[in-house]
Amino acid sequence: MIKTHPPLTACYIHEAALRELPVDGETRWSQYLGLLLAIGSAEAKVRIIPTGKERTIESGGFSLLRFTEFPPLVCRPAETVTLILEGDEHVGRYERIVIELDKISLSELESRELIAELVAETEKTATPSNGMVTNVADTNESGITG
């Protein structure tokens, strides 16, 4: 069976987490670029939560899973288990958190522009080992370099 459209994944990422990746410059550049390309290919919708606004919502990490044939679920990972929540009283709370995240996050375009800036900043200090350099300054609205 061939899927014509990838599943829509929405990711909310703290700006501070992006800026403080505990990896070397080349790996950081590669991860930023991969994120930028994923956004440009519509594999994922990524919204950045600006520094300073991340404390507005203190829910921790979670996944809100929506299905066409089944009710939605929420997955809350912990160190040794993953809590699976179902039912309107639980899932509804997380749906409201997603609405709040949507309000405080940068738009998709602003998020993409911020990630492109991070790629450009990191590119100055880290050249990939394969010698390839991508000019992200020319990234168009779809996120494709050209």
N, C-alpha and C. Protein backbone atom coordinates (compact mmCIF):
# COMPACT_ATOMS: atom_id res chain seq x y z
N MET A 1 0.84 -1.17 0.00
CA MET A 1 0.00 0.00 0.00
C MET A 1 0.89 1.24 0.00
N ILE A 2 0.61 2.16 -0.88
CA ILE A 2 1.40 3.39 -0.99
C ILE A 2 0.60 4.54 -0.43
N LYS A 3 1.18 5.26 0.50
CA LYS A 3 0.55 6.45 1.05
C LYS A 3 0.91 7.63 0.18
N THR A 4 -0.08 8.43 -0.17
CA THR A 4 0.19 9.59 -1.01
C THR A 4 0.62 10.79 -0.19
N HIS A 5 0.28 10.83 1.09
CA HIS A 5 0.64 11.96 1.94
C HIS A 5 1.26 11.45 3.23
N PRO A 6 2.36 12.04 3.65
CA PRO A 6 2.93 11.63 4.94
C PRO A 6 2.01 12.06 6.07
N PRO A 7 2.08 11.37 7.20
CA PRO A 7 1.25 11.80 8.33
C PRO A 7 1.67 13.19 8.79
N LEU A 8 0.72 13.98 9.22
CA LEU A 8 1.03 15.32 9.71
C LEU A 8 1.51 15.21 11.15
N THR A 9 2.70 15.69 11.38
CA THR A 9 3.27 15.70 12.71
C THR A 9 3.53 17.14 13.09
N ALA A 10 3.01 17.55 14.22
CA ALA A 10 3.25 18.90 14.72
C ALA A 10 4.19 18.80 15.91
N CYS A 11 5.28 19.54 15.84
CA CYS A 11 6.27 19.54 16.91
C CYS A 11 6.43 20.95 17.45
N TYR A 12 6.40 21.07 18.76
CA TYR A 12 6.65 22.34 19.42
C TYR A 12 7.99 22.20 20.14
N ILE A 13 8.95 23.05 19.78
CA ILE A 13 10.30 22.93 20.30
C ILE A 13 10.68 24.23 20.99
N HIS A 14 11.25 24.13 22.18
CA HIS A 14 11.73 25.31 22.90
C HIS A 14 12.95 25.88 22.18
N GLU A 15 12.96 27.18 21.96
CA GLU A 15 14.10 27.84 21.32
C GLU A 15 15.39 27.57 22.10
N ALA A 16 15.32 27.64 23.42
CA ALA A 16 16.51 27.41 24.24
C ALA A 16 17.07 26.00 24.03
N ALA A 17 16.20 25.02 23.86
CA ALA A 17 16.65 23.65 23.62
C ALA A 17 17.39 23.56 22.29
N LEU A 18 16.91 24.27 21.29
CA LEU A 18 17.60 24.28 20.00
C LEU A 18 18.98 24.93 20.10
N ARG A 19 19.03 26.03 20.79
CA ARG A 19 20.28 26.79 20.87
C ARG A 19 21.33 26.11 21.76
N GLU A 20 20.90 25.22 22.64
CA GLU A 20 21.82 24.60 23.60
C GLU A 20 22.02 23.11 23.37
N LEU A 21 21.95 22.67 22.11
CA LEU A 21 22.17 21.26 21.83
C LEU A 21 23.56 20.86 22.31
N PRO A 22 23.68 19.81 23.12
CA PRO A 22 24.98 19.42 23.69
C PRO A 22 25.79 18.55 22.73
N VAL A 23 26.07 19.10 21.53
CA VAL A 23 26.82 18.35 20.52
C VAL A 23 27.86 19.28 19.89
N ASP A 24 28.78 18.70 19.12
CA ASP A 24 29.79 19.50 18.45
C ASP A 24 29.15 20.32 17.33
N GLY A 25 29.89 21.31 16.82
CA GLY A 25 29.36 22.23 15.82
C GLY A 25 28.89 21.57 14.55
N GLU A 26 29.63 20.57 14.05
CA GLU A 26 29.24 19.89 12.81
C GLU A 26 27.92 19.13 13.00
N THR A 27 27.78 18.44 14.13
CA THR A 27 26.55 17.70 14.40
C THR A 27 25.37 18.66 14.57
N ARG A 28 25.62 19.75 15.26
CA ARG A 28 24.58 20.77 15.46
C ARG A 28 24.12 21.31 14.11
N TRP A 29 25.07 21.66 13.24
CA TRP A 29 24.75 22.17 11.91
C TRP A 29 23.92 21.15 11.14
N SER A 30 24.34 19.89 11.20
CA SER A 30 23.64 18.82 10.50
C SER A 30 22.21 18.65 11.02
N GLN A 31 22.03 18.73 12.33
CA GLN A 31 20.70 18.57 12.91
C GLN A 31 19.80 19.75 12.56
N TYR A 32 20.35 20.96 12.61
CA TYR A 32 19.56 22.14 12.21
C TYR A 32 19.15 22.03 10.75
N LEU A 33 20.09 21.66 9.90
CA LEU A 33 19.80 21.56 8.47
C LEU A 33 18.75 20.47 8.21
N GLY A 34 18.88 19.33 8.89
CA GLY A 34 17.90 18.25 8.73
C GLY A 34 16.51 18.70 9.15
N LEU A 35 16.43 19.46 10.22
CA LEU A 35 15.15 19.98 10.69
C LEU A 35 14.57 20.96 9.66
N LEU A 36 15.42 21.82 9.13
CA LEU A 36 14.98 22.78 8.12
C LEU A 36 14.47 22.07 6.87
N LEU A 37 15.15 21.03 6.43
CA LEU A 37 14.72 20.28 5.25
C LEU A 37 13.42 19.51 5.50
N ALA A 38 13.28 18.97 6.71
CA ALA A 38 12.04 18.26 7.05
C ALA A 38 10.85 19.20 7.00
N ILE A 39 11.04 20.42 7.47
CA ILE A 39 9.97 21.41 7.43
C ILE A 39 9.64 21.76 5.99
N GLY A 40 10.66 21.96 5.17
CA GLY A 40 10.47 22.32 3.78
C GLY A 40 9.80 21.24 2.96
N SER A 41 9.93 19.98 3.38
CA SER A 41 9.33 18.88 2.62
C SER A 41 7.95 18.51 3.14
N ALA A 42 7.42 19.25 4.09
CA ALA A 42 6.09 19.04 4.67
C ALA A 42 6.00 17.73 5.45
N GLU A 43 7.13 17.15 5.87
CA GLU A 43 7.08 15.96 6.71
C GLU A 43 6.62 16.32 8.12
N ALA A 44 6.90 17.55 8.51
CA ALA A 44 6.56 17.96 9.87
C ALA A 44 6.20 19.43 9.91
N LYS A 45 5.29 19.74 10.79
CA LYS A 45 4.98 21.13 11.10
C LYS A 45 5.73 21.43 12.38
N VAL A 46 6.65 22.39 12.33
CA VAL A 46 7.47 22.71 13.50
C VAL A 46 7.19 24.14 13.91
N ARG A 47 6.92 24.30 15.20
CA ARG A 47 6.69 25.63 15.77
C ARG A 47 7.66 25.81 16.92
N ILE A 48 8.33 26.94 16.94
CA ILE A 48 9.31 27.23 17.98
C ILE A 48 8.65 28.05 19.08
N ILE A 49 8.86 27.63 20.33
CA ILE A 49 8.39 28.38 21.49
C ILE A 49 9.53 29.33 21.87
N PRO A 50 9.34 30.64 21.71
CA PRO A 50 10.42 31.60 21.97
C PRO A 50 10.91 31.55 23.41
N THR A 51 12.20 31.83 23.56
CA THR A 51 12.79 31.91 24.89
C THR A 51 12.01 32.92 25.73
N GLY A 52 11.68 32.54 26.94
CA GLY A 52 10.91 33.40 27.83
C GLY A 52 9.45 33.01 27.91
N LYS A 53 8.92 32.39 26.87
CA LYS A 53 7.52 31.98 26.88
C LYS A 53 7.36 30.51 27.26
N GLU A 54 8.47 29.78 27.34
CA GLU A 54 8.36 28.35 27.62
C GLU A 54 7.82 28.07 29.01
N ARG A 55 7.93 29.01 29.92
CA ARG A 55 7.42 28.80 31.28
C ARG A 55 5.91 29.03 31.38
N THR A 56 5.31 29.53 30.33
CA THR A 56 3.88 29.77 30.33
C THR A 56 3.10 28.47 30.50
N ILE A 57 3.61 27.41 29.89
CA ILE A 57 2.95 26.11 29.95
C ILE A 57 3.93 25.10 30.50
N GLU A 58 3.60 24.50 31.62
CA GLU A 58 4.49 23.55 32.25
C GLU A 58 3.88 22.15 32.22
N SER A 59 3.76 21.60 31.02
CA SER A 59 3.14 20.29 30.89
C SER A 59 4.15 19.17 30.73
N GLY A 60 5.37 19.48 30.37
CA GLY A 60 6.35 18.44 30.07
C GLY A 60 6.08 17.87 28.69
N GLY A 61 6.93 16.95 28.27
CA GLY A 61 6.77 16.36 26.95
C GLY A 61 5.60 15.40 26.88
N PHE A 62 4.92 15.42 25.74
CA PHE A 62 3.82 14.49 25.52
C PHE A 62 3.55 14.38 24.04
N SER A 63 2.85 13.33 23.66
CA SER A 63 2.39 13.15 22.29
C SER A 63 0.88 13.02 22.32
N LEU A 64 0.22 13.84 21.52
CA LEU A 64 -1.23 13.74 21.35
C LEU A 64 -1.45 13.04 20.03
N LEU A 65 -1.99 11.83 20.09
CA LEU A 65 -2.17 11.01 18.90
C LEU A 65 -3.64 11.01 18.49
N ARG A 66 -3.88 11.40 17.25
CA ARG A 66 -5.25 11.41 16.71
C ARG A 66 -5.36 10.37 15.61
N PHE A 67 -6.46 9.66 15.61
CA PHE A 67 -6.69 8.59 14.65
C PHE A 67 -8.01 8.84 13.93
N THR A 68 -8.15 8.27 12.73
CA THR A 68 -9.41 8.43 12.00
C THR A 68 -10.49 7.47 12.52
N GLU A 69 -10.09 6.29 12.98
CA GLU A 69 -11.08 5.29 13.39
C GLU A 69 -11.17 5.06 14.89
N PHE A 70 -10.31 5.73 15.67
CA PHE A 70 -10.28 5.51 17.12
C PHE A 70 -10.22 6.85 17.84
N PRO A 71 -10.61 6.87 19.11
CA PRO A 71 -10.51 8.11 19.88
C PRO A 71 -9.04 8.50 20.09
N PRO A 72 -8.76 9.78 20.32
CA PRO A 72 -7.38 10.22 20.53
C PRO A 72 -6.81 9.69 21.84
N LEU A 73 -5.48 9.64 21.89
CA LEU A 73 -4.73 9.21 23.07
C LEU A 73 -3.63 10.22 23.35
N VAL A 74 -3.17 10.25 24.59
CA VAL A 74 -2.02 11.05 24.96
C VAL A 74 -0.98 10.10 25.54
N CYS A 75 0.27 10.24 25.10
CA CYS A 75 1.38 9.47 25.64
C CYS A 75 2.30 10.42 26.40
N ARG A 76 2.57 10.09 27.66
CA ARG A 76 3.47 10.89 28.52
C ARG A 76 4.65 10.00 28.90
N PRO A 77 5.80 10.18 28.26
CA PRO A 77 6.95 9.34 28.63
C PRO A 77 7.54 9.76 29.96
N ALA A 78 8.00 8.78 30.69
CA ALA A 78 8.73 8.99 31.94
C ALA A 78 10.00 8.14 31.85
N GLU A 79 10.79 8.15 32.89
CA GLU A 79 12.08 7.46 32.83
C GLU A 79 11.94 5.96 32.59
N THR A 80 10.97 5.32 33.22
CA THR A 80 10.86 3.86 33.10
C THR A 80 9.55 3.38 32.49
N VAL A 81 8.61 4.27 32.25
CA VAL A 81 7.32 3.88 31.67
C VAL A 81 6.80 5.00 30.79
N THR A 82 5.81 4.66 29.98
CA THR A 82 5.07 5.67 29.23
C THR A 82 3.62 5.56 29.64
N LEU A 83 3.07 6.66 30.11
CA LEU A 83 1.69 6.70 30.55
C LEU A 83 0.81 6.95 29.32
N ILE A 84 -0.19 6.11 29.12
CA ILE A 84 -1.14 6.26 28.02
C ILE A 84 -2.45 6.77 28.62
N LEU A 85 -2.88 7.94 28.20
CA LEU A 85 -4.12 8.54 28.71
C LEU A 85 -5.18 8.52 27.63
N GLU A 86 -6.39 8.21 28.04
CA GLU A 86 -7.51 8.23 27.10
C GLU A 86 -8.72 8.80 27.80
N GLY A 87 -9.73 9.10 27.05
CA GLY A 87 -10.95 9.68 27.62
C GLY A 87 -10.92 11.19 27.55
N ASP A 88 -12.09 11.77 27.40
CA ASP A 88 -12.21 13.22 27.22
C ASP A 88 -11.60 14.02 28.36
N GLU A 89 -11.74 13.54 29.61
CA GLU A 89 -11.23 14.31 30.75
C GLU A 89 -9.71 14.45 30.71
N HIS A 90 -9.01 13.45 30.18
CA HIS A 90 -7.55 13.51 30.11
C HIS A 90 -7.09 14.12 28.79
N VAL A 91 -7.59 13.60 27.69
CA VAL A 91 -7.18 14.06 26.37
C VAL A 91 -7.57 15.52 26.17
N GLY A 92 -8.73 15.91 26.68
CA GLY A 92 -9.18 17.31 26.54
C GLY A 92 -8.21 18.29 27.15
N ARG A 93 -7.61 17.94 28.26
CA ARG A 93 -6.61 18.81 28.90
C ARG A 93 -5.42 19.05 27.98
N TYR A 94 -4.95 18.00 27.34
CA TYR A 94 -3.80 18.12 26.45
C TYR A 94 -4.17 18.82 25.15
N GLU A 95 -5.39 18.66 24.71
CA GLU A 95 -5.84 19.41 23.53
C GLU A 95 -5.83 20.91 23.83
N ARG A 96 -6.20 21.29 25.06
CA ARG A 96 -6.13 22.70 25.46
C ARG A 96 -4.69 23.19 25.54
N ILE A 97 -3.78 22.32 25.98
CA ILE A 97 -2.36 22.68 26.03
C ILE A 97 -1.84 22.94 24.62
N VAL A 98 -2.25 22.12 23.66
CA VAL A 98 -1.83 22.33 22.27
C VAL A 98 -2.35 23.67 21.75
N ILE A 99 -3.56 24.03 22.10
CA ILE A 99 -4.11 25.34 21.70
C ILE A 99 -3.26 26.46 22.29
N GLU A 100 -2.87 26.33 23.56
CA GLU A 100 -2.02 27.33 24.19
C GLU A 100 -0.64 27.38 23.54
N LEU A 101 -0.07 26.21 23.24
CA LEU A 101 1.22 26.18 22.55
C LEU A 101 1.14 26.89 21.20
N ASP A 102 0.05 26.68 20.52
CA ASP A 102 -0.16 27.32 19.22
C ASP A 102 -0.19 28.84 19.36
N LYS A 103 -0.76 29.32 20.46
CA LYS A 103 -0.86 30.77 20.68
C LYS A 103 0.49 31.41 20.98
N ILE A 104 1.34 30.74 21.76
CA ILE A 104 2.59 31.36 22.19
C ILE A 104 3.77 31.09 21.25
N SER A 105 3.62 30.13 20.34
CA SER A 105 4.71 29.76 19.45
C SER A 105 4.84 30.71 18.28
N LEU A 106 6.03 30.75 17.71
CA LEU A 106 6.23 31.48 16.47
C LEU A 106 5.39 30.82 15.37
N SER A 107 5.04 31.56 14.34
CA SER A 107 4.32 30.97 13.21
C SER A 107 5.24 29.95 12.53
N GLU A 108 4.67 29.15 11.63
CA GLU A 108 5.49 28.18 10.91
C GLU A 108 6.58 28.88 10.11
N LEU A 109 6.25 30.00 9.47
CA LEU A 109 7.23 30.74 8.69
C LEU A 109 8.31 31.34 9.59
N GLU A 110 7.90 31.94 10.71
CA GLU A 110 8.88 32.51 11.65
C GLU A 110 9.78 31.42 12.23
N SER A 111 9.19 30.27 12.52
CA SER A 111 9.97 29.14 13.05
C SER A 111 10.99 28.67 12.03
N ARG A 112 10.56 28.55 10.78
CA ARG A 112 11.46 28.13 9.70
C ARG A 112 12.59 29.15 9.52
N GLU A 113 12.25 30.44 9.59
CA GLU A 113 13.27 31.48 9.46
C GLU A 113 14.28 31.41 10.60
N LEU A 114 13.81 31.16 11.83
CA LEU A 114 14.71 31.05 12.97
C LEU A 114 15.65 29.86 12.80
N ILE A 115 15.12 28.74 12.35
CA ILE A 115 15.97 27.56 12.15
C ILE A 115 16.98 27.83 11.04
N ALA A 116 16.57 28.52 9.98
CA ALA A 116 17.51 28.88 8.90
C ALA A 116 18.62 29.78 9.44
N GLU A 117 18.27 30.70 10.34
CA GLU A 117 19.29 31.55 10.97
C GLU A 117 20.27 30.71 11.79
N LEU A 118 19.75 29.72 12.52
CA LEU A 118 20.62 28.85 13.32
C LEU A 118 21.55 28.04 12.42
N VAL A 119 21.04 27.58 11.28
CA VAL A 119 21.88 26.86 10.32
C VAL A 119 23.00 27.77 9.85
N ALA A 120 22.65 29.00 9.46
CA ALA A 120 23.64 29.96 8.96
C ALA A 120 24.68 30.30 10.02
N GLU A 121 24.23 30.53 11.27
CA GLU A 121 25.16 30.84 12.36
C GLU A 121 26.11 29.69 12.62
N THR A 122 25.59 28.48 12.62
CA THR A 122 26.39 27.30 12.92
C THR A 122 27.32 26.97 11.76
N GLU A 123 26.88 27.25 10.55
CA GLU A 123 27.69 26.97 9.36
C GLU A 123 29.01 27.74 9.39
N LYS A 124 28.99 28.92 10.02
CA LYS A 124 30.20 29.75 10.09
C LYS A 124 31.30 29.07 10.91
N THR A 125 30.91 28.25 11.88
CA THR A 125 31.90 27.63 12.77
C THR A 125 32.10 26.15 12.51
N ALA A 126 31.27 25.54 11.66
CA ALA A 126 31.40 24.10 11.42
C ALA A 126 31.20 23.79 9.95
N THR A 127 32.21 23.28 9.31
CA THR A 127 32.09 22.84 7.92
C THR A 127 31.90 21.33 7.95
N PRO A 128 30.87 20.83 7.30
CA PRO A 128 30.64 19.38 7.29
C PRO A 128 31.86 18.63 6.75
N SER A 129 32.07 17.42 7.24
CA SER A 129 33.24 16.65 6.85
C SER A 129 33.21 16.26 5.38
N ASN A 130 32.04 16.27 4.74
CA ASN A 130 31.98 15.93 3.32
C ASN A 130 32.33 17.14 2.44
N GLY A 131 32.60 18.28 3.06
CA GLY A 131 33.01 19.45 2.31
C GLY A 131 31.88 20.23 1.68
N MET A 132 30.65 19.72 1.77
CA MET A 132 29.52 20.41 1.17
C MET A 132 29.11 21.59 2.04
N VAL A 133 28.80 22.69 1.40
CA VAL A 133 28.30 23.85 2.10
C VAL A 133 27.02 24.27 1.41
N THR A 134 25.96 24.44 2.17
CA THR A 134 24.67 24.83 1.63
C THR A 134 24.40 26.27 2.00
N ASN A 135 24.00 27.06 1.03
CA ASN A 135 23.69 28.46 1.29
C ASN A 135 22.24 28.55 1.73
N VAL A 136 22.01 28.71 3.03
CA VAL A 136 20.64 28.78 3.53
C VAL A 136 20.07 30.18 3.46
N ALA A 137 20.89 31.15 3.12
CA ALA A 137 20.39 32.51 3.03
C ALA A 137 19.37 32.65 1.91
N ASP A 138 19.44 31.73 0.92
CA ASP A 138 18.52 31.78 -0.20
C ASP A 138 17.33 30.84 -0.03
N THR A 139 17.05 30.39 1.18
CA THR A 139 15.95 29.49 1.42
C THR A 139 14.64 30.23 1.14
N ASN A 140 13.81 29.64 0.28
CA ASN A 140 12.56 30.31 -0.07
C ASN A 140 11.45 29.94 0.91
N GLU A 141 10.25 30.40 0.67
CA GLU A 141 9.14 30.22 1.60
C GLU A 141 8.84 28.75 1.87
N SER A 142 9.10 27.87 0.90
CA SER A 142 8.82 26.45 1.10
C SER A 142 9.93 25.76 1.87
N GLY A 143 11.02 26.49 2.16
CA GLY A 143 12.13 25.90 2.90
C GLY A 143 13.16 25.23 2.02
N ILE A 144 12.99 25.32 0.70
CA ILE A 144 13.90 24.68 -0.23
C ILE A 144 14.96 25.69 -0.63
N THR A 145 16.20 25.25 -0.58
CA THR A 145 17.30 26.14 -0.92
C THR A 145 17.41 26.25 -2.44
N GLY A 146 17.67 27.45 -2.90
CA GLY A 146 17.81 27.58 -4.35
C GLY A 146 18.26 28.93 -4.77
